[in-house]
Amino acid sequence: MDARIEKLHDWGCDTNAAMDRMLGDEDFYLECLCSIPADKNFELLTAALERQDVQTAFECAHTLKGVLANLGLTPMYQKTIEIVEPLRAGDSRALLGKAAALTEMKNHLAEILQKN
């Protein structure tokens, strides 16, 4: 198994379930993972929260939630739940800090993926 996938597993990611969804194709899984740090929804989420645009923030967070769940990125997925659920109820208060934490997690993911 690729060392990057092992590091993700050690971080608390459900890499086994994600690999099952990828039909065991490790290269495809890594390709999908490597696209996450460049996903514009992280930036768009923060910008929408700054504007207090609940609808756009919800759409970005909900999209991220699905992608992160499918890739087994459990720590990041759990953080998106903390953002999506208040937004679903129309509440955007105090979510900038959670979005910043999610961005830090994205940066951590990028670091893991760069190292072999």
N, C-alpha and C. Protein backbone atom coordinates (compact mmCIF):
# COMPACT_ATOMS: atom_id res chain seq x y z
N MET A 1 0.85 -1.19 0.00
CA MET A 1 0.00 0.00 0.00
C MET A 1 0.89 1.25 0.00
N ASP A 2 0.47 2.24 -0.74
CA ASP A 2 1.18 3.50 -0.83
C ASP A 2 1.29 4.14 0.56
N ALA A 3 2.45 4.69 0.86
CA ALA A 3 2.70 5.29 2.17
C ALA A 3 1.74 6.45 2.46
N ARG A 4 1.32 7.16 1.42
CA ARG A 4 0.39 8.28 1.62
C ARG A 4 -0.96 7.77 2.11
N ILE A 5 -1.39 6.65 1.59
CA ILE A 5 -2.66 6.08 2.02
C ILE A 5 -2.55 5.60 3.46
N GLU A 6 -1.40 5.03 3.81
CA GLU A 6 -1.18 4.62 5.20
C GLU A 6 -1.21 5.82 6.14
N LYS A 7 -0.63 6.94 5.73
CA LYS A 7 -0.65 8.15 6.57
C LYS A 7 -2.07 8.67 6.74
N LEU A 8 -2.86 8.58 5.68
CA LEU A 8 -4.27 8.99 5.79
C LEU A 8 -5.02 8.09 6.76
N HIS A 9 -4.75 6.80 6.68
CA HIS A 9 -5.37 5.86 7.61
C HIS A 9 -4.98 6.21 9.05
N ASP A 10 -3.71 6.51 9.27
CA ASP A 10 -3.23 6.89 10.61
C ASP A 10 -3.88 8.18 11.09
N TRP A 11 -4.27 9.06 10.18
CA TRP A 11 -4.92 10.34 10.49
C TRP A 11 -6.38 10.13 10.89
N GLY A 12 -6.89 8.94 10.64
CA GLY A 12 -8.28 8.64 10.98
C GLY A 12 -9.19 8.53 9.78
N CYS A 13 -8.62 8.47 8.61
CA CYS A 13 -9.41 8.35 7.39
C CYS A 13 -9.82 6.90 7.17
N ASP A 14 -10.98 6.72 6.60
CA ASP A 14 -11.50 5.38 6.32
C ASP A 14 -11.05 4.98 4.92
N THR A 15 -9.76 4.73 4.80
CA THR A 15 -9.18 4.41 3.50
C THR A 15 -9.64 3.05 2.98
N ASN A 16 -9.94 2.13 3.88
CA ASN A 16 -10.40 0.81 3.44
C ASN A 16 -11.74 0.91 2.70
N ALA A 17 -12.69 1.63 3.27
CA ALA A 17 -13.99 1.80 2.62
C ALA A 17 -13.84 2.58 1.32
N ALA A 18 -12.99 3.59 1.33
CA ALA A 18 -12.78 4.37 0.11
C ALA A 18 -12.16 3.52 -0.98
N MET A 19 -11.20 2.69 -0.63
CA MET A 19 -10.58 1.81 -1.62
C MET A 19 -11.61 0.81 -2.16
N ASP A 20 -12.53 0.37 -1.32
CA ASP A 20 -13.60 -0.51 -1.79
C ASP A 20 -14.46 0.21 -2.83
N ARG A 21 -14.79 1.50 -2.55
CA ARG A 21 -15.57 2.28 -3.50
C ARG A 21 -14.82 2.48 -4.82
N MET A 22 -13.49 2.50 -4.74
CA MET A 22 -12.65 2.68 -5.93
C MET A 22 -12.30 1.33 -6.58
N LEU A 23 -12.98 0.28 -6.11
CA LEU A 23 -12.76 -1.08 -6.62
C LEU A 23 -11.30 -1.51 -6.53
N GLY A 24 -10.63 -1.03 -5.47
CA GLY A 24 -9.25 -1.41 -5.21
C GLY A 24 -8.23 -0.72 -6.09
N ASP A 25 -8.65 0.24 -6.88
CA ASP A 25 -7.74 0.93 -7.80
C ASP A 25 -7.01 2.05 -7.05
N GLU A 26 -5.84 1.71 -6.51
CA GLU A 26 -5.07 2.64 -5.69
C GLU A 26 -4.66 3.88 -6.48
N ASP A 27 -4.26 3.71 -7.72
CA ASP A 27 -3.86 4.86 -8.53
C ASP A 27 -5.01 5.83 -8.73
N PHE A 28 -6.20 5.30 -9.00
CA PHE A 28 -7.37 6.16 -9.18
C PHE A 28 -7.71 6.87 -7.87
N TYR A 29 -7.62 6.14 -6.76
CA TYR A 29 -7.88 6.73 -5.44
C TYR A 29 -6.93 7.88 -5.18
N LEU A 30 -5.65 7.67 -5.44
CA LEU A 30 -4.67 8.74 -5.23
C LEU A 30 -4.92 9.92 -6.16
N GLU A 31 -5.33 9.64 -7.38
CA GLU A 31 -5.65 10.71 -8.32
C GLU A 31 -6.80 11.56 -7.79
N CYS A 32 -7.82 10.89 -7.29
CA CYS A 32 -8.96 11.61 -6.70
C CYS A 32 -8.53 12.42 -5.48
N LEU A 33 -7.74 11.81 -4.61
CA LEU A 33 -7.26 12.50 -3.42
C LEU A 33 -6.46 13.74 -3.77
N CYS A 34 -5.62 13.62 -4.78
CA CYS A 34 -4.75 14.73 -5.15
C CYS A 34 -5.52 15.91 -5.74
N SER A 35 -6.76 15.69 -6.15
CA SER A 35 -7.57 16.79 -6.67
C SER A 35 -8.19 17.63 -5.55
N ILE A 36 -8.25 17.09 -4.34
CA ILE A 36 -8.94 17.78 -3.24
C ILE A 36 -8.28 19.10 -2.86
N PRO A 37 -6.96 19.19 -2.68
CA PRO A 37 -6.39 20.47 -2.29
C PRO A 37 -6.67 21.62 -3.26
N ALA A 38 -6.91 21.31 -4.53
CA ALA A 38 -7.19 22.35 -5.52
C ALA A 38 -8.68 22.64 -5.66
N ASP A 39 -9.53 21.95 -4.92
CA ASP A 39 -10.97 22.14 -5.04
C ASP A 39 -11.34 23.57 -4.63
N LYS A 40 -11.96 24.29 -5.52
CA LYS A 40 -12.31 25.70 -5.29
C LYS A 40 -13.40 25.87 -4.24
N ASN A 41 -14.11 24.79 -3.89
CA ASN A 41 -15.18 24.92 -2.91
C ASN A 41 -14.68 25.35 -1.54
N PHE A 42 -13.43 25.07 -1.21
CA PHE A 42 -12.89 25.54 0.07
C PHE A 42 -12.86 27.07 0.10
N GLU A 43 -12.31 27.67 -0.95
CA GLU A 43 -12.23 29.13 -1.03
C GLU A 43 -13.61 29.75 -1.17
N LEU A 44 -14.45 29.14 -2.00
CA LEU A 44 -15.80 29.67 -2.21
C LEU A 44 -16.62 29.62 -0.93
N LEU A 45 -16.42 28.58 -0.13
CA LEU A 45 -17.12 28.46 1.14
C LEU A 45 -16.75 29.61 2.07
N THR A 46 -15.47 29.85 2.21
CA THR A 46 -15.01 30.93 3.08
C THR A 46 -15.53 32.28 2.59
N ALA A 47 -15.43 32.52 1.29
CA ALA A 47 -15.90 33.80 0.73
C ALA A 47 -17.40 33.96 0.96
N ALA A 48 -18.17 32.90 0.78
CA ALA A 48 -19.61 32.98 0.99
C ALA A 48 -19.94 33.25 2.46
N LEU A 49 -19.20 32.62 3.36
CA LEU A 49 -19.42 32.87 4.79
C LEU A 49 -19.08 34.31 5.14
N GLU A 50 -18.01 34.83 4.56
CA GLU A 50 -17.65 36.23 4.81
C GLU A 50 -18.75 37.18 4.35
N ARG A 51 -19.42 36.83 3.26
CA ARG A 51 -20.52 37.66 2.73
C ARG A 51 -21.86 37.33 3.40
N GLN A 52 -21.84 36.32 4.25
CA GLN A 52 -23.06 35.80 4.90
C GLN A 52 -24.07 35.32 3.87
N ASP A 53 -23.55 34.73 2.80
CA ASP A 53 -24.36 34.14 1.74
C ASP A 53 -24.60 32.67 2.12
N VAL A 54 -25.65 32.44 2.86
CA VAL A 54 -25.92 31.12 3.43
C VAL A 54 -26.13 30.08 2.32
N GLN A 55 -26.87 30.43 1.29
CA GLN A 55 -27.18 29.46 0.23
C GLN A 55 -25.92 28.98 -0.48
N THR A 56 -25.05 29.91 -0.88
CA THR A 56 -23.81 29.52 -1.57
C THR A 56 -22.90 28.75 -0.63
N ALA A 57 -22.80 29.20 0.61
CA ALA A 57 -21.97 28.49 1.59
C ALA A 57 -22.47 27.07 1.78
N PHE A 58 -23.78 26.91 1.87
CA PHE A 58 -24.35 25.57 2.03
C PHE A 58 -24.01 24.69 0.83
N GLU A 59 -24.18 25.23 -0.37
CA GLU A 59 -23.89 24.44 -1.58
C GLU A 59 -22.43 23.99 -1.61
N CYS A 60 -21.52 24.89 -1.28
CA CYS A 60 -20.09 24.54 -1.27
C CYS A 60 -19.79 23.49 -0.21
N ALA A 61 -20.29 23.72 1.00
CA ALA A 61 -20.03 22.79 2.10
C ALA A 61 -20.67 21.42 1.83
N HIS A 62 -21.86 21.42 1.27
CA HIS A 62 -22.54 20.16 0.99
C HIS A 62 -21.81 19.37 -0.09
N THR A 63 -21.30 20.07 -1.10
CA THR A 63 -20.51 19.41 -2.14
C THR A 63 -19.26 18.80 -1.54
N LEU A 64 -18.54 19.57 -0.72
CA LEU A 64 -17.34 19.06 -0.07
C LEU A 64 -17.66 17.85 0.81
N LYS A 65 -18.75 17.93 1.52
CA LYS A 65 -19.14 16.83 2.42
C LYS A 65 -19.26 15.52 1.64
N GLY A 66 -19.92 15.56 0.49
CA GLY A 66 -20.09 14.36 -0.30
C GLY A 66 -18.78 13.82 -0.84
N VAL A 67 -17.95 14.70 -1.36
CA VAL A 67 -16.66 14.28 -1.92
C VAL A 67 -15.77 13.70 -0.83
N LEU A 68 -15.70 14.39 0.30
CA LEU A 68 -14.84 13.95 1.39
C LEU A 68 -15.32 12.62 1.96
N ALA A 69 -16.63 12.42 2.02
CA ALA A 69 -17.17 11.14 2.50
C ALA A 69 -16.79 10.02 1.55
N ASN A 70 -16.97 10.25 0.26
CA ASN A 70 -16.66 9.21 -0.72
C ASN A 70 -15.19 8.82 -0.71
N LEU A 71 -14.32 9.77 -0.40
CA LEU A 71 -12.88 9.49 -0.38
C LEU A 71 -12.40 9.02 0.99
N GLY A 72 -13.32 8.88 1.93
CA GLY A 72 -12.96 8.37 3.24
C GLY A 72 -12.15 9.33 4.07
N LEU A 73 -12.21 10.62 3.77
CA LEU A 73 -11.44 11.62 4.51
C LEU A 73 -12.23 12.03 5.75
N THR A 74 -12.36 11.10 6.66
CA THR A 74 -13.24 11.21 7.82
C THR A 74 -13.03 12.47 8.66
N PRO A 75 -11.81 12.85 9.02
CA PRO A 75 -11.66 14.06 9.83
C PRO A 75 -12.21 15.31 9.12
N MET A 76 -11.97 15.40 7.83
CA MET A 76 -12.46 16.54 7.06
C MET A 76 -13.98 16.45 6.88
N TYR A 77 -14.46 15.27 6.64
CA TYR A 77 -15.91 15.04 6.49
C TYR A 77 -16.64 15.47 7.77
N GLN A 78 -16.11 15.08 8.91
CA GLN A 78 -16.75 15.44 10.18
C GLN A 78 -16.77 16.95 10.38
N LYS A 79 -15.71 17.63 9.95
CA LYS A 79 -15.68 19.09 10.06
C LYS A 79 -16.73 19.71 9.15
N THR A 80 -16.93 19.14 7.97
CA THR A 80 -17.95 19.72 7.07
C THR A 80 -19.35 19.55 7.64
N ILE A 81 -19.58 18.47 8.36
CA ILE A 81 -20.89 18.29 9.01
C ILE A 81 -21.14 19.45 9.98
N GLU A 82 -20.10 19.87 10.70
CA GLU A 82 -20.23 20.98 11.64
C GLU A 82 -20.56 22.29 10.93
N ILE A 83 -20.31 22.34 9.64
CA ILE A 83 -20.60 23.54 8.84
C ILE A 83 -21.95 23.40 8.12
N VAL A 84 -22.18 22.23 7.54
CA VAL A 84 -23.38 22.02 6.74
C VAL A 84 -24.65 22.12 7.57
N GLU A 85 -24.67 21.49 8.73
CA GLU A 85 -25.92 21.43 9.48
C GLU A 85 -26.42 22.80 9.94
N PRO A 86 -25.58 23.67 10.49
CA PRO A 86 -26.08 25.02 10.80
C PRO A 86 -26.54 25.77 9.54
N LEU A 87 -25.80 25.60 8.44
CA LEU A 87 -26.19 26.27 7.20
C LEU A 87 -27.53 25.75 6.70
N ARG A 88 -27.75 24.47 6.85
CA ARG A 88 -29.03 23.87 6.43
C ARG A 88 -30.18 24.55 7.18
N ALA A 89 -29.92 24.94 8.43
CA ALA A 89 -30.93 25.62 9.24
C ALA A 89 -30.92 27.13 9.01
N GLY A 90 -30.06 27.61 8.10
CA GLY A 90 -30.02 29.03 7.78
C GLY A 90 -29.13 29.86 8.68
N ASP A 91 -28.30 29.20 9.48
CA ASP A 91 -27.44 29.89 10.44
C ASP A 91 -25.99 29.86 9.98
N SER A 92 -25.42 31.02 9.73
CA SER A 92 -24.01 31.08 9.30
C SER A 92 -23.11 31.66 10.38
N ARG A 93 -23.66 31.93 11.56
CA ARG A 93 -22.86 32.53 12.63
C ARG A 93 -21.77 31.57 13.11
N ALA A 94 -20.63 32.11 13.39
CA ALA A 94 -19.51 31.38 14.00
C ALA A 94 -18.99 30.24 13.15
N LEU A 95 -19.20 30.30 11.84
CA LEU A 95 -18.72 29.22 10.98
C LEU A 95 -17.41 29.55 10.29
N LEU A 96 -16.99 30.80 10.33
CA LEU A 96 -15.71 31.14 9.69
C LEU A 96 -14.55 30.39 10.34
N GLY A 97 -14.60 30.24 11.64
CA GLY A 97 -13.54 29.49 12.34
C GLY A 97 -13.52 28.02 11.93
N LYS A 98 -14.70 27.45 11.76
CA LYS A 98 -14.78 26.05 11.32
C LYS A 98 -14.28 25.92 9.88
N ALA A 99 -14.60 26.90 9.04
CA ALA A 99 -14.12 26.88 7.66
C ALA A 99 -12.60 27.02 7.63
N ALA A 100 -12.06 27.84 8.51
CA ALA A 100 -10.60 28.00 8.60
C ALA A 100 -9.96 26.68 9.04
N ALA A 101 -10.59 26.00 9.99
CA ALA A 101 -10.07 24.70 10.45
C ALA A 101 -10.12 23.68 9.31
N LEU A 102 -11.18 23.72 8.51
CA LEU A 102 -11.29 22.82 7.36
C LEU A 102 -10.20 23.11 6.35
N THR A 103 -9.90 24.38 6.14
CA THR A 103 -8.82 24.76 5.22
C THR A 103 -7.48 24.27 5.74
N GLU A 104 -7.26 24.34 7.04
CA GLU A 104 -6.03 23.81 7.63
C GLU A 104 -5.93 22.30 7.41
N MET A 105 -7.05 21.63 7.53
CA MET A 105 -7.07 20.18 7.29
C MET A 105 -6.76 19.89 5.82
N LYS A 106 -7.27 20.72 4.94
CA LYS A 106 -6.98 20.56 3.51
C LYS A 106 -5.48 20.73 3.28
N ASN A 107 -4.87 21.70 3.94
CA ASN A 107 -3.43 21.91 3.82
C ASN A 107 -2.65 20.72 4.37
N HIS A 108 -3.13 20.14 5.45
CA HIS A 108 -2.50 18.95 6.02
C HIS A 108 -2.60 17.79 5.02
N LEU A 109 -3.76 17.65 4.40
CA LEU A 109 -3.93 16.62 3.38
C LEU A 109 -2.94 16.83 2.25
N ALA A 110 -2.77 18.06 1.80
CA ALA A 110 -1.83 18.35 0.72
C ALA A 110 -0.41 17.94 1.11
N GLU A 111 -0.04 18.19 2.37
CA GLU A 111 1.28 17.80 2.85
C GLU A 111 1.44 16.28 2.82
N ILE A 112 0.45 15.57 3.27
CA ILE A 112 0.50 14.11 3.26
C ILE A 112 0.67 13.59 1.84
N LEU A 113 -0.08 14.17 0.93
CA LEU A 113 -0.06 13.68 -0.45
C LEU A 113 1.24 13.99 -1.18
N GLN A 114 1.97 15.00 -0.72
CA GLN A 114 3.23 15.37 -1.36
C GLN A 114 4.37 14.47 -0.93
N LYS A 115 4.26 13.88 0.23
CA LYS A 115 5.35 13.09 0.78
C LYS A 115 5.20 11.63 0.39
N ASN A 116 6.32 10.99 0.15
CA ASN A 116 6.32 9.55 -0.13
C ASN A 116 7.14 8.81 0.89
